[in-house]
PDB file of N, CA and C in Angstrom:
ATOM      1  N   MET A   1     152.519 -58.107-101.061  1.00  0.00           N
ATOM      2  CA  MET A   1     151.154 -57.846-100.798  1.00  0.00           C
ATOM      3  C   MET A   1     150.278 -58.164-101.981  1.00  0.00           C
ATOM      4  N   GLY A   2     150.659 -57.899-103.137  1.00  0.00           N
ATOM      5  CA  GLY A   2     149.799 -58.016-104.284  1.00  0.00           C
ATOM      6  C   GLY A   2     149.719 -59.404-104.839  1.00  0.00           C
ATOM      7  N   GLY A   3     150.097 -60.461-104.436  1.00  0.00           N
ATOM      8  CA  GLY A   3     150.024 -61.776-105.073  1.00  0.00           C
ATOM      9  C   GLY A   3     148.697 -62.470-104.813  1.00  0.00           C
ATOM     10  N   THR A   4     148.808 -63.690-104.415  1.00  0.00           N
ATOM     11  CA  THR A   4     147.628 -64.500-104.152  1.00  0.00           C
ATOM     12  C   THR A   4     147.285 -64.447-102.679  1.00  0.00           C
ATOM     13  N   LEU A   5     146.041 -64.778-102.392  1.00  0.00           N
ATOM     14  CA  LEU A   5     145.617 -64.809-100.996  1.00  0.00           C
ATOM     15  C   LEU A   5     145.953 -66.161-100.395  1.00  0.00           C
ATOM     16  N   ASP A   6     146.413 -66.143 -99.177  1.00  0.00           N
ATOM     17  CA  ASP A   6     146.759 -67.383 -98.489  1.00  0.00           C
ATOM     18  C   ASP A   6     145.660 -67.700 -97.489  1.00  0.00           C
ATOM     19  N   PHE A   7     144.801 -68.673 -97.853  1.00  0.00           N
ATOM     20  CA  PHE A   7     143.687 -69.037 -96.983  1.00  0.00           C
ATOM     21  C   PHE A   7     144.109 -69.925 -95.820  1.00  0.00           C
ATOM     22  N   SER A   8     145.316 -70.397 -95.824  1.00  0.00           N
ATOM     23  CA  SER A   8     145.754 -71.296 -94.752  1.00  0.00           C
ATOM     24  C   SER A   8     145.916 -70.561 -93.428  1.00  0.00           C
ATOM     25  N   VAL A   9     146.079 -69.263 -93.441  1.00  0.00           N
ATOM     26  CA  VAL A   9     146.257 -68.512 -92.209  1.00  0.00           C
ATOM     27  C   VAL A   9     144.931 -67.984 -91.659  1.00  0.00           C
ATOM     28  N   MET A  10     143.831 -68.095 -92.420  1.00  0.00           N
ATOM     29  CA  MET A  10     142.532 -67.616 -91.946  1.00  0.00           C
ATOM     30  C   MET A  10     141.910 -68.662 -91.025  1.00  0.00           C
ATOM     31  N   PRO A  11     141.194 -68.232 -90.004  1.00  0.00           N
ATOM     32  CA  PRO A  11     140.503 -69.198 -89.142  1.00  0.00           C
ATOM     33  C   PRO A  11     139.484 -69.998 -89.974  1.00  0.00           C
ATOM     34  N   GLN A  12     139.220 -71.238 -89.541  1.00  0.00           N
ATOM     35  CA  GLN A  12     138.358 -72.123 -90.305  1.00  0.00           C
ATOM     36  C   GLN A  12     136.930 -71.566 -90.418  1.00  0.00           C
ATOM     37  N   SER A  13     136.413 -70.901 -89.396  1.00  0.00           N
ATOM     38  CA  SER A  13     135.043 -70.392 -89.434  1.00  0.00           C
ATOM     39  C   SER A  13     134.860 -69.350 -90.531  1.00  0.00           C
ATOM     40  N   GLN A  14     135.957 -68.677 -90.929  1.00  0.00           N
ATOM     41  CA  GLN A  14     135.836 -67.676 -91.982  1.00  0.00           C
ATOM     42  C   GLN A  14     135.990 -68.285 -93.367  1.00  0.00           C
ATOM     43  N   THR A  15     136.496 -69.494 -93.462  1.00  0.00           N
ATOM     44  CA  THR A  15     136.694 -70.109 -94.766  1.00  0.00           C
ATOM     45  C   THR A  15     135.457 -70.857 -95.240  1.00  0.00           C
ATOM     46  N   ARG A  16     134.551 -71.163 -94.349  1.00  0.00           N
ATOM     47  CA  ARG A  16     133.341 -71.878 -94.742  1.00  0.00           C
ATOM     48  C   ARG A  16     132.389 -70.918 -95.438  1.00  0.00           C
ATOM     49  N   ALA A  17     131.897 -71.310 -96.569  1.00  0.00           N
ATOM     50  CA  ALA A  17     130.983 -70.463 -97.326  1.00  0.00           C
ATOM     51  C   ALA A  17     129.564 -70.518 -96.778  1.00  0.00           C
ATOM     52  N   PHE A  18     129.189 -71.590 -96.079  1.00  0.00           N
ATOM     53  CA  PHE A  18     127.818 -71.770 -95.625  1.00  0.00           C
ATOM     54  C   PHE A  18     127.655 -71.618 -94.125  1.00  0.00           C
ATOM     55  N   GLY A  19     128.556 -71.003 -93.456  1.00  0.00           N
ATOM     56  CA  GLY A  19     128.453 -70.832 -92.014  1.00  0.00           C
ATOM     57  C   GLY A  19     128.584 -72.176 -91.312  1.00  0.00           C
ATOM     58  N   PRO A  20     127.755 -72.450 -90.319  1.00  0.00           N
ATOM     59  CA  PRO A  20     127.876 -73.706 -89.575  1.00  0.00           C
ATOM     60  C   PRO A  20     127.331 -74.903 -90.351  1.00  0.00           C
ATOM     61  N   PHE A  21     126.666 -74.691 -91.502  1.00  0.00           N
ATOM     62  CA  PHE A  21     126.078 -75.781 -92.284  1.00  0.00           C
ATOM     63  C   PHE A  21     127.003 -76.183 -93.421  1.00  0.00           C
ATOM     64  N   THR A  22     127.078 -77.467 -93.645  1.00  0.00           N
ATOM     65  CA  THR A  22     127.798 -77.957 -94.812  1.00  0.00           C
ATOM     66  C   THR A  22     126.844 -77.885 -95.999  1.00  0.00           C
ATOM     67  N   PRO A  23     127.344 -77.936 -97.201  1.00  0.00           N
ATOM     68  CA  PRO A  23     126.446 -77.909 -98.367  1.00  0.00           C
ATOM     69  C   PRO A  23     125.413 -79.043 -98.337  1.00  0.00           C
ATOM     70  N   LEU A  24     125.812 -80.214 -97.854  1.00  0.00           N
ATOM     71  CA  LEU A  24     124.892 -81.345 -97.779  1.00  0.00           C
ATOM     72  C   LEU A  24     123.771 -81.068 -96.778  1.00  0.00           C
ATOM     73  N   THR A  25     124.099 -80.494 -95.621  1.00  0.00           N
ATOM     74  CA  THR A  25     123.090 -80.158 -94.617  1.00  0.00           C
ATOM     75  C   THR A  25     122.135 -79.099 -95.158  1.00  0.00           C
ATOM     76  N   SER A  26     122.664 -78.114 -95.827  1.00  0.00           N
ATOM     77  CA  SER A  26     121.819 -77.063 -96.395  1.00  0.00           C
ATOM     78  C   SER A  26     120.863 -77.628 -97.433  1.00  0.00           C
ATOM     79  N   CYS A  27     121.333 -78.531 -98.278  1.00  0.00           N
ATOM     80  CA  CYS A  27     120.466 -79.161 -99.285  1.00  0.00           C
ATOM     81  C   CYS A  27     119.381 -79.988 -98.615  1.00  0.00           C
ATOM     82  N   ALA A  28     119.723 -80.678 -97.539  1.00  0.00           N
ATOM     83  CA  ALA A  28     118.733 -81.494 -96.829  1.00  0.00           C
ATOM     84  C   ALA A  28     117.655 -80.605 -96.210  1.00  0.00           C
ATOM     85  N   ILE A  29     118.055 -79.493 -95.633  1.00  0.00           N
ATOM     86  CA  ILE A  29     117.085 -78.569 -95.033  1.00  0.00           C
ATOM     87  C   ILE A  29     116.169 -77.986 -96.108  1.00  0.00           C
ATOM     88  N   VAL A  30     116.739 -77.588 -97.214  1.00  0.00           N
ATOM     89  CA  VAL A  30     115.935 -77.053 -98.324  1.00  0.00           C
ATOM     90  C   VAL A  30     114.975 -78.111 -98.845  1.00  0.00           C
ATOM     91  N   ALA A  31     115.421 -79.351 -98.964  1.00  0.00           N
ATOM     92  CA  ALA A  31     114.558 -80.430 -99.456  1.00  0.00           C
ATOM     93  C   ALA A  31     113.396 -80.680 -98.505  1.00  0.00           C
ATOM     94  N   VAL A  32     113.675 -80.700 -97.210  1.00  0.00           N
ATOM     95  CA  VAL A  32     112.609 -80.921 -96.219  1.00  0.00           C
ATOM     96  C   VAL A  32     111.603 -79.775 -96.267  1.00  0.00           C
ATOM     97  N   LEU A  33     112.077 -78.551 -96.334  1.00  0.00           N
ATOM     98  CA  LEU A  33     111.167 -77.404 -96.413  1.00  0.00           C
ATOM     99  C   LEU A  33     110.341 -77.435 -97.696  1.00  0.00           C
ATOM    100  N   LEU A  34     110.966 -77.794 -98.803  1.00  0.00           N
ATOM    101  CA  LEU A  34     110.262 -77.874-100.075  1.00  0.00           C
ATOM    102  C   LEU A  34     109.165 -78.944-100.039  1.00  0.00           C
ATOM    103  N   ILE A  35     109.478 -80.091 -99.466  1.00  0.00           N
ATOM    104  CA  ILE A  35     108.477 -81.163 -99.340  1.00  0.00           C
ATOM    105  C   ILE A  35     107.325 -80.712 -98.445  1.00  0.00           C
ATOM    106  N   ALA A  36     107.634 -80.041 -97.344  1.00  0.00           N
ATOM    107  CA  ALA A  36     106.583 -79.572 -96.438  1.00  0.00           C
ATOM    108  C   ALA A  36     105.680 -78.552 -97.126  1.00  0.00           C
ATOM    109  N   ILE A  37     106.265 -77.655 -97.879  1.00  0.00           N
ATOM    110  CA  ILE A  37     105.465 -76.632 -98.571  1.00  0.00           C
ATOM    111  C   ILE A  37     104.604 -77.267 -99.653  1.00  0.00           C
ATOM    112  N   LEU A  38     105.171 -78.169-100.432  1.00  0.00           N
ATOM    113  CA  LEU A  38     104.419 -78.795-101.511  1.00  0.00           C
ATOM    114  C   LEU A  38     103.316 -79.713-100.988  1.00  0.00           C
ATOM    115  N   SER A  39     103.552 -80.395 -99.874  1.00  0.00           N
ATOM    116  CA  SER A  39     102.503 -81.265 -99.338  1.00  0.00           C
ATOM    117  C   SER A  39     101.382 -80.448 -98.732  1.00  0.00           C
ATOM    118  N   ALA A  40     101.660 -79.245 -98.262  1.00  0.00           N
ATOM    119  CA  ALA A  40     100.613 -78.385 -97.725  1.00  0.00           C
ATOM    120  C   ALA A  40      99.721 -77.844 -98.831  1.00  0.00           C
ATOM    121  N   CYS A  41     100.223 -77.819-100.055  1.00  0.00           N
ATOM    122  CA  CYS A  41      99.437 -77.316-101.179  1.00  0.00           C
ATOM    123  C   CYS A  41      98.533 -78.383-101.797  1.00  0.00           C
ATOM    124  N   ALA A  42      98.710 -79.632-101.432  1.00  0.00           N
ATOM    125  CA  ALA A  42      97.895 -80.710-102.006  1.00  0.00           C
ATOM    126  C   ALA A  42      96.463 -80.603-101.490  1.00  0.00           C
ATOM    127  N   ALA A  43      95.518 -80.839-102.360  1.00  0.00           N
ATOM    128  CA  ALA A  43      94.111 -80.749-101.990  1.00  0.00           C
ATOM    129  C   ALA A  43      93.706 -81.968-101.163  1.00  0.00           C
ATOM    130  N   PRO A  44      93.250 -81.768 -99.915  1.00  0.00           N
ATOM    131  CA  PRO A  44      92.848 -82.898 -99.078  1.00  0.00           C
ATOM    132  C   PRO A  44      91.431 -83.382 -99.394  1.00  0.00           C
ATOM    133  N   ILE A  45      90.743 -82.695-100.273  1.00  0.00           N
ATOM    134  CA  ILE A  45      89.358 -83.006-100.589  1.00  0.00           C
ATOM    135  C   ILE A  45      89.266 -83.373-102.063  1.00  0.00           C
ATOM    136  N   GLY A  46      88.560 -84.441-102.327  1.00  0.00           N
ATOM    137  CA  GLY A  46      88.363 -84.851-103.708  1.00  0.00           C
ATOM    138  C   GLY A  46      86.987 -84.437-104.204  1.00  0.00           C
ATOM    139  N   VAL A  47      86.811 -84.465-105.496  1.00  0.00           N
ATOM    140  CA  VAL A  47      85.546 -84.098-106.119  1.00  0.00           C
ATOM    141  C   VAL A  47      85.090 -85.259-106.982  1.00  0.00           C
ATOM    142  N   LYS A  48      83.814 -85.582-106.869  1.00  0.00           N
ATOM    143  CA  LYS A  48      83.261 -86.670-107.658  1.00  0.00           C
ATOM    144  C   LYS A  48      82.018 -86.158-108.381  1.00  0.00           C
ATOM    145  N   ARG A  49      81.932 -86.411-109.661  1.00  0.00           N
ATOM    146  CA  ARG A  49      80.780 -85.969-110.437  1.00  0.00           C
ATOM    147  C   ARG A  49      79.558 -86.809-110.089  1.00  0.00           C
ATOM    148  N   VAL A  50      78.426 -86.105-109.917  1.00  0.00           N
ATOM    149  CA  VAL A  50      77.162 -86.754-109.594  1.00  0.00           C
ATOM    150  C   VAL A  50      76.092 -86.137-110.476  1.00  0.00           C
ATOM    151  N   ASP A  51      75.073 -86.912-110.780  1.00  0.00           N
ATOM    152  CA  ASP A  51      73.963 -86.439-111.590  1.00  0.00           C
ATOM    153  C   ASP A  51      73.289 -85.245-110.893  1.00  0.00           C
ATOM    154  N   PRO A  52      73.106 -84.112-111.589  1.00  0.00           N
ATOM    155  CA  PRO A  52      72.502 -82.931-110.970  1.00  0.00           C
ATOM    156  C   PRO A  52      71.107 -83.186-110.401  1.00  0.00           C
ATOM    157  N   LYS A  53      70.327 -84.053-111.038  1.00  0.00           N
ATOM    158  CA  LYS A  53      68.985 -84.354-110.521  1.00  0.00           C
ATOM    159  C   LYS A  53      69.059 -85.064-109.176  1.00  0.00           C
ATOM    160  N   LYS A  54      70.041 -85.956-109.038  1.00  0.00           N
ATOM    161  CA  LYS A  54      70.225 -86.665-107.766  1.00  0.00           C
ATOM    162  C   LYS A  54      70.620 -85.688-106.664  1.00  0.00           C
ATOM    163  N   VAL A  55      71.499 -84.759-106.985  1.00  0.00           N
ATOM    164  CA  VAL A  55      71.926 -83.755-106.002  1.00  0.00           C
ATOM    165  C   VAL A  55      70.738 -82.890-105.584  1.00  0.00           C
ATOM    166  N   GLN A  56      69.927 -82.471-106.545  1.00  0.00           N
ATOM    167  CA  GLN A  56      68.755 -81.647-106.239  1.00  0.00           C
ATOM    168  C   GLN A  56      67.784 -82.401-105.332  1.00  0.00           C
ATOM    169  N   ARG A  57      67.585 -83.691-105.595  1.00  0.00           N
ATOM    170  CA  ARG A  57      66.696 -84.496-104.745  1.00  0.00           C
ATOM    171  C   ARG A  57      67.230 -84.582-103.323  1.00  0.00           C
ATOM    172  N   GLU A  58      68.540 -84.764-103.197  1.00  0.00           N
ATOM    173  CA  GLU A  58      69.130 -84.863-101.863  1.00  0.00           C
ATOM    174  C   GLU A  58      69.034 -83.545-101.105  1.00  0.00           C
ATOM    175  N   ILE A  59      69.238 -82.444-101.797  1.00  0.00           N
ATOM    176  CA  ILE A  59      69.196 -81.137-101.141  1.00  0.00           C
ATOM    177  C   ILE A  59      67.781 -80.794-100.686  1.00  0.00           C
ATOM    178  N   THR A  60      66.810 -81.096-101.521  1.00  0.00           N
ATOM    179  CA  THR A  60      65.429 -80.708-101.213  1.00  0.00           C
ATOM    180  C   THR A  60      64.637 -81.815-100.534  1.00  0.00           C
ATOM    181  N   SER A  61      65.294 -82.910-100.174  1.00  0.00           N
ATOM    182  CA  SER A  61      64.568 -84.028 -99.569  1.00  0.00           C
ATOM    183  C   SER A  61      64.046 -83.649 -98.189  1.00  0.00           C
ATOM    184  N   ASP A  62      62.946 -84.283 -97.828  1.00  0.00           N
ATOM    185  CA  ASP A  62      62.388 -84.101 -96.495  1.00  0.00           C
ATOM    186  C   ASP A  62      61.863 -85.438 -96.001  1.00  0.00           C
ATOM    187  N   VAL A  63      61.348 -85.440 -94.799  1.00  0.00           N
ATOM    188  CA  VAL A  63      60.912 -86.680 -94.182  1.00  0.00           C
ATOM    189  C   VAL A  63      59.738 -87.313 -94.929  1.00  0.00           C
ATOM    190  N   LEU A  64      58.911 -86.532 -95.576  1.00  0.00           N
ATOM    191  CA  LEU A  64      57.764 -87.074 -96.301  1.00  0.00           C
ATOM    192  C   LEU A  64      58.189 -87.795 -97.575  1.00  0.00           C
ATOM    193  N   MET A  65      59.225 -87.306 -98.240  1.00  0.00           N
ATOM    194  CA  MET A  65      59.674 -87.910 -99.499  1.00  0.00           C
ATOM    195  C   MET A  65      60.561 -89.131 -99.278  1.00  0.00           C
ATOM    196  N   THR A  66      61.431 -89.049 -98.285  1.00  0.00           N
ATOM    197  CA  THR A  66      62.450 -90.090 -98.128  1.00  0.00           C
ATOM    198  C   THR A  66      62.297 -90.932 -96.867  1.00  0.00           C
ATOM    199  N   GLY A  67      61.512 -90.457 -95.918  1.00  0.00           N
ATOM    200  CA  GLY A  67      61.422 -91.158 -94.644  1.00  0.00           C
ATOM    201  C   GLY A  67      62.571 -90.813 -93.711  1.00  0.00           C
ATOM    202  N   LYS A  68      63.499 -89.968 -94.185  1.00  0.00           N
ATOM    203  CA  LYS A  68      64.635 -89.533 -93.371  1.00  0.00           C
ATOM    204  C   LYS A  68      64.547 -88.023 -93.165  1.00  0.00           C
ATOM    205  N   LEU A  69      65.137 -87.551 -92.077  1.00  0.00           N
ATOM    206  CA  LEU A  69      65.173 -86.112 -91.817  1.00  0.00           C
ATOM    207  C   LEU A  69      65.973 -85.398 -92.888  1.00  0.00           C
ATOM    208  N   SER A  70      65.573 -84.166 -93.195  1.00  0.00           N
ATOM    209  CA  SER A  70      66.390 -83.348 -94.085  1.00  0.00           C
ATOM    210  C   SER A  70      67.665 -82.967 -93.338  1.00  0.00           C
ATOM    211  N   SER A  71      68.672 -82.582 -94.074  1.00  0.00           N
ATOM    212  CA  SER A  71      69.931 -82.204 -93.425  1.00  0.00           C
ATOM    213  C   SER A  71      69.737 -80.967 -92.550  1.00  0.00           C
ATOM    214  N   ALA A  72      68.868 -80.048 -92.973  1.00  0.00           N
ATOM    215  CA  ALA A  72      68.621 -78.845 -92.168  1.00  0.00           C
ATOM    216  C   ALA A  72      67.985 -79.205 -90.828  1.00  0.00           C
ATOM    217  N   THR A  73      67.015 -80.122 -90.844  1.00  0.00           N
ATOM    218  CA  THR A  73      66.363 -80.523 -89.598  1.00  0.00           C
ATOM    219  C   THR A  73      67.330 -81.288 -88.707  1.00  0.00           C
ATOM    220  N   ALA A  74      68.118 -82.177 -89.290  1.00  0.00           N
ATOM    221  CA  ALA A  74      69.105 -82.927 -88.502  1.00  0.00           C
ATOM    222  C   ALA A  74      70.120 -81.981 -87.864  1.00  0.00           C
ATOM    223  N   ASN A  75      70.555 -80.970 -88.603  1.00  0.00           N
ATOM    224  CA  ASN A  75      71.500 -79.990 -88.051  1.00  0.00           C
ATOM    225  C   ASN A  75      70.867 -79.204 -86.912  1.00  0.00           C
ATOM    226  N   LEU A  76      69.589 -78.821 -87.064  1.00  0.00           N
ATOM    227  CA  LEU A  76      68.901 -78.085 -86.000  1.00  0.00           C
ATOM    228  C   LEU A  76      68.784 -78.948 -84.750  1.00  0.00           C
ATOM    229  N   LEU A  77      68.476 -80.217 -84.913  1.00  0.00           N
ATOM    230  CA  LEU A  77      68.386 -81.118 -83.760  1.00  0.00           C
ATOM    231  C   LEU A  77      69.739 -81.267 -83.080  1.00  0.00           C
ATOM    232  N   ARG A  78      70.804 -81.350 -83.861  1.00  0.00           N
ATOM    233  CA  ARG A  78      72.146 -81.434 -83.265  1.00  0.00           C
ATOM    234  C   ARG A  78      72.484 -80.138 -82.525  1.00  0.00           C
ATOM    235  N   TYR A  79      72.155 -79.014 -83.130  1.00  0.00           N
ATOM    236  CA  TYR A  79      72.441 -77.715 -82.504  1.00  0.00           C
ATOM    237  C   TYR A  79      71.694 -77.579 -81.178  1.00  0.00           C
ATOM    238  N   ALA A  80      70.450 -78.051 -81.143  1.00  0.00           N
ATOM    239  CA  ALA A  80      69.642 -77.975 -79.922  1.00  0.00           C
ATOM    240  C   ALA A  80      69.938 -79.129 -78.970  1.00  0.00           C
ATOM    241  N   GLU A  81      70.883 -79.989 -79.339  1.00  0.00           N
ATOM    242  CA  GLU A  81      71.264 -81.156 -78.549  1.00  0.00           C
ATOM    243  C   GLU A  81      70.074 -82.077 -78.291  1.00  0.00           C
ATOM    244  N   LEU A  82      69.258 -82.267 -79.318  1.00  0.00           N
ATOM    245  CA  LEU A  82      68.071 -83.115 -79.217  1.00  0.00           C
ATOM    246  C   LEU A  82      68.096 -84.270 -80.208  1.00  0.00           C
ATOM    247  N   PHE A  83      69.216 -84.480 -80.884  1.00  0.00           N
ATOM    248  CA  PHE A  83      69.275 -85.498 -81.928  1.00  0.00           C
ATOM    249  C   PHE A  83      69.031 -86.899 -81.356  1.00  0.00           C
ATOM    250  N   GLU A  84      69.643 -87.214 -80.217  1.00  0.00           N
ATOM    251  CA  GLU A  84      69.450 -88.530 -79.602  1.00  0.00           C
ATOM    252  C   GLU A  84      68.024 -88.682 -79.087  1.00  0.00           C
ATOM    253  N   SER A  85      67.459 -87.607 -78.539  1.00  0.00           N
ATOM    254  CA  SER A  85      66.081 -87.649 -78.047  1.00  0.00           C
ATOM    255  C   SER A  85      65.101 -87.864 -79.190  1.00  0.00           C
ATOM    256  N   TYR A  86      65.412 -87.313 -80.346  1.00  0.00           N
ATOM    257  CA  TYR A  86      64.543 -87.473 -81.511  1.00  0.00           C
ATOM    258  C   TYR A  86      64.423 -88.946 -81.906  1.00  0.00           C
ATOM    259  N   ALA A  87      65.509 -89.693 -81.772  1.00  0.00           N
ATOM    260  CA  ALA A  87      65.485 -91.110 -82.130  1.00  0.00           C
ATOM    261  C   ALA A  87      64.504 -91.886 -81.252  1.00  0.00           C
ATOM    262  N   LYS A  88      64.329 -91.448 -80.008  1.00  0.00           N
ATOM    263  CA  LYS A  88      63.427 -92.143 -79.083  1.00  0.00           C
ATOM    264  C   LYS A  88      61.991 -91.649 -79.190  1.00  0.00           C
ATOM    265  N   LYS A  89      61.821 -90.334 -79.265  1.00  0.00           N
ATOM    266  CA  LYS A  89      60.475 -89.740 -79.277  1.00  0.00           C
ATOM    267  C   LYS A  89      60.415 -88.613 -80.308  1.00  0.00           C
ATOM    268  N   PRO A  90      60.335 -88.948 -81.588  1.00  0.00           N
ATOM    269  CA  PRO A  90      60.416 -87.918 -82.628  1.00  0.00           C
ATOM    270  C   PRO A  90      59.292 -86.883 -82.578  1.00  0.00           C
ATOM    271  N   ALA A  91      58.063 -87.309 -82.373  1.00  0.00           N
ATOM    272  CA  ALA A  91      56.937 -86.366 -82.384  1.00  0.00           C
ATOM    273  C   ALA A  91      57.057 -85.353 -81.252  1.00  0.00           C
ATOM    274  N   GLU A  92      57.451 -85.809 -80.080  1.00  0.00           N
ATOM    275  CA  GLU A  92      57.579 -84.904 -78.933  1.00  0.00           C
ATOM    276  C   GLU A  92      58.697 -83.881 -79.138  1.00  0.00           C
ATOM    277  N   VAL A  93      59.801 -84.312 -79.699  1.00  0.00           N
ATOM    278  CA  VAL A  93      60.938 -83.408 -79.918  1.00  0.00           C
ATOM    279  C   VAL A  93      60.580 -82.341 -80.953  1.00  0.00           C
ATOM    280  N   ILE A  94      59.959 -82.739 -82.061  1.00  0.00           N
ATOM    281  CA  ILE A  94      59.562 -81.765 -83.090  1.00  0.00           C
ATOM    282  C   ILE A  94      58.542 -80.788 -82.516  1.00  0.00           C
ATOM    283  N   GLU A  95      57.600 -81.287 -81.725  1.00  0.00           N
ATOM    284  CA  GLU A  95      56.605 -80.407 -81.094  1.00  0.00           C
ATOM    285  C   GLU A  95      57.290 -79.411 -80.156  1.00  0.00           C
ATOM    286  N   LEU A  96      58.259 -79.884 -79.395  1.00  0.00           N
ATOM    287  CA  LEU A  96      59.011 -79.014 -78.494  1.00  0.00           C
ATOM    288  C   LEU A  96      59.722 -77.906 -79.263  1.00  0.00           C
ATOM    289  N   LEU A  97      60.355 -78.253 -80.383  1.00  0.00           N
ATOM    290  CA  LEU A  97      61.044 -77.254 -81.193  1.00  0.00           C
ATOM    291  C   LEU A  97      60.061 -76.258 -81.800  1.00  0.00           C
ATOM    292  N   HIS A  98      58.930 -76.751 -82.306  1.00  0.00           N
ATOM    293  CA  HIS A  98      57.915 -75.852 -82.867  1.00  0.00           C
ATOM    294  C   HIS A  98      57.435 -74.858 -81.816  1.00  0.00           C
ATOM    295  N   LYS A  99      57.135 -75.340 -80.627  1.00  0.00           N
ATOM    296  CA  LYS A  99      56.655 -74.461 -79.553  1.00  0.00           C
ATOM    297  C   LYS A  99      57.722 -73.436 -79.169  1.00  0.00           C
ATOM    298  N   GLY A 100      58.974 -73.893 -79.096  1.00  0.00           N
ATOM    299  CA  GLY A 100      60.060 -72.987 -78.724  1.00  0.00           C
ATOM    300  C   GLY A 100      60.250 -71.877 -79.744  1.00  0.00           C
ATOM    301  N   ILE A 101      60.214 -72.228 -81.012  1.00  0.00           N
ATOM    302  CA  ILE A 101      60.383 -71.224 -82.065  1.00  0.00           C
ATOM    303  C   ILE A 101      59.180 -70.293 -82.106  1.00  0.00           C
ATOM    304  N   LEU A 102      57.975 -70.839 -81.987  1.00  0.00           N
ATOM    305  CA  LEU A 102      56.768 -70.010 -82.002  1.00  0.00           C
ATOM    306  C   LEU A 102      56.747 -69.055 -80.815  1.00  0.00           C
ATOM    307  N   THR A 103      57.115 -69.537 -79.647  1.00  0.00           N
ATOM    308  CA  THR A 103      57.151 -68.686 -78.453  1.00  0.00           C
ATOM    309  C   THR A 103      58.132 -67.531 -78.645  1.00  0.00           C
ATOM    310  N   ARG A 104      59.291 -67.820 -79.173  1.00  0.00           N
ATOM    311  CA  ARG A 104      60.285 -66.765 -79.407  1.00  0.00           C
ATOM    312  C   ARG A 104      59.793 -65.760 -80.443  1.00  0.00           C
ATOM    313  N   ALA A 105      59.186 -66.265 -81.519  1.00  0.00           N
ATOM    314  CA  ALA A 105      58.706 -65.366 -82.571  1.00  0.00           C
ATOM    315  C   ALA A 105      57.605 -64.457 -82.037  1.00  0.00           C
ATOM    316  N   LEU A 106      56.686 -65.011 -81.248  1.00  0.00           N
ATOM    317  CA  LEU A 106      55.585 -64.201 -80.695  1.00  0.00           C
ATOM    318  C   LEU A 106      56.080 -63.216 -79.650  1.00  0.00           C
ATOM    319  N   ALA A 107      57.189 -63.512 -78.996  1.00  0.00           N
ATOM    320  CA  ALA A 107      57.758 -62.599 -77.999  1.00  0.00           C
ATOM    321  C   ALA A 107      58.561 -61.485 -78.658  1.00  0.00           C
ATOM    322  N   GLY A 108      58.655 -61.514 -79.978  1.00  0.00           N
ATOM    323  CA  GLY A 108      59.384 -60.466 -80.690  1.00  0.00           C
ATOM    324  C   GLY A 108      60.853 -60.751 -80.864  1.00  0.00           C
ATOM    325  N   GLU A 109      61.300 -61.923 -80.426  1.00  0.00           N
ATOM    326  CA  GLU A 109      62.707 -62.281 -80.604  1.00  0.00           C
ATOM    327  C   GLU A 109      62.951 -62.664 -82.055  1.00  0.00           C
ATOM    328  N   ARG A 110      64.158 -62.479 -82.464  1.00  0.00           N
ATOM    329  CA  ARG A 110      64.530 -62.839 -83.830  1.00  0.00           C
ATOM    330  C   ARG A 110      64.745 -64.350 -83.903  1.00  0.00           C
ATOM    331  N   VAL A 111      64.062 -64.994 -84.816  1.00  0.00           N
ATOM    332  CA  VAL A 111      64.199 -66.435 -85.020  1.00  0.00           C
ATOM    333  C   VAL A 111      64.894 -66.636 -86.354  1.00  0.00           C
ATOM    334  N   SER A 112      65.905 -67.490 -86.366  1.00  0.00           N
ATOM    335  CA  SER A 112      66.661 -67.671 -87.608  1.00  0.00           C
ATOM    336  C   SER A 112      65.806 -68.321 -88.680  1.00  0.00           C
ATOM    337  N   ARG A 113      66.026 -67.869 -89.870  1.00  0.00           N
ATOM    338  CA  ARG A 113      65.305 -68.418 -91.021  1.00  0.00           C
ATOM    339  C   ARG A 113      65.618 -69.904 -91.183  1.00  0.00           C
ATOM    340  N   ALA A 114      66.864 -70.275 -90.911  1.00  0.00           N
ATOM    341  CA  ALA A 114      67.269 -71.671 -91.042  1.00  0.00           C
ATOM    342  C   ALA A 114      66.479 -72.567 -90.094  1.00  0.00           C
ATOM    343  N   ALA A 115      66.216 -72.093 -88.869  1.00  0.00           N
ATOM    344  CA  ALA A 115      65.434 -72.887 -87.912  1.00  0.00           C
ATOM    345  C   ALA A 115      64.007 -73.048 -88.394  1.00  0.00           C
ATOM    346  N   MET A 116      63.424 -71.985 -88.944  1.00  0.00           N
ATOM    347  CA  MET A 116      62.054 -72.082 -89.446  1.00  0.00           C
ATOM    348  C   MET A 116      61.960 -73.006 -90.644  1.00  0.00           C
ATOM    349  N   VAL A 117      62.947 -72.931 -91.529  1.00  0.00           N
ATOM    350  CA  VAL A 117      62.955 -73.801 -92.719  1.00  0.00           C
ATOM    351  C   VAL A 117      63.131 -75.249 -92.281  1.00  0.00           C
ATOM    352  N   ALA A 118      63.960 -75.495 -91.302  1.00  0.00           N
ATOM    353  CA  ALA A 118      64.218 -76.864 -90.852  1.00  0.00           C
ATOM    354  C   ALA A 118      62.963 -77.505 -90.278  1.00  0.00           C
ATOM    355  N   LEU A 119      62.127 -76.720 -89.673  1.00  0.00           N
ATOM    356  CA  LEU A 119      60.919 -77.272 -89.068  1.00  0.00           C
ATOM    357  C   LEU A 119      59.689 -77.142 -89.925  1.00  0.00           C
ATOM    358  N   ALA A 120      59.822 -76.575 -91.094  1.00  0.00           N
ATOM    359  CA  ALA A 120      58.664 -76.403 -91.976  1.00  0.00           C
ATOM    360  C   ALA A 120      58.165 -77.721 -92.506  1.00  0.00           C
TER     361      ALA A 120
END
């Protein structure tokens, strides 16, 4: 009884140290999981330095300064689903939005500050 252990009489499933996986399979699984985790940590967005004055001009730009809609106004038109209509009849669409916001404000409804700023 006290000598060496005889592994030849044990069933094969009990002699494997890694269960149903071979060491090579286990390493492959670990490698795939490691690659998946590390690729999920990579930043999908890049950063580019820009002159602060240029950024300020872009943020505060309006139709009078640039001839283009401000981003706030463009977003409001998209939200109201009027962006395509604005391209055809800009004055009518802006007038419609002004009337809609004014009507809501006079009726006591809460009007978002962003909508008022976009149409200012």
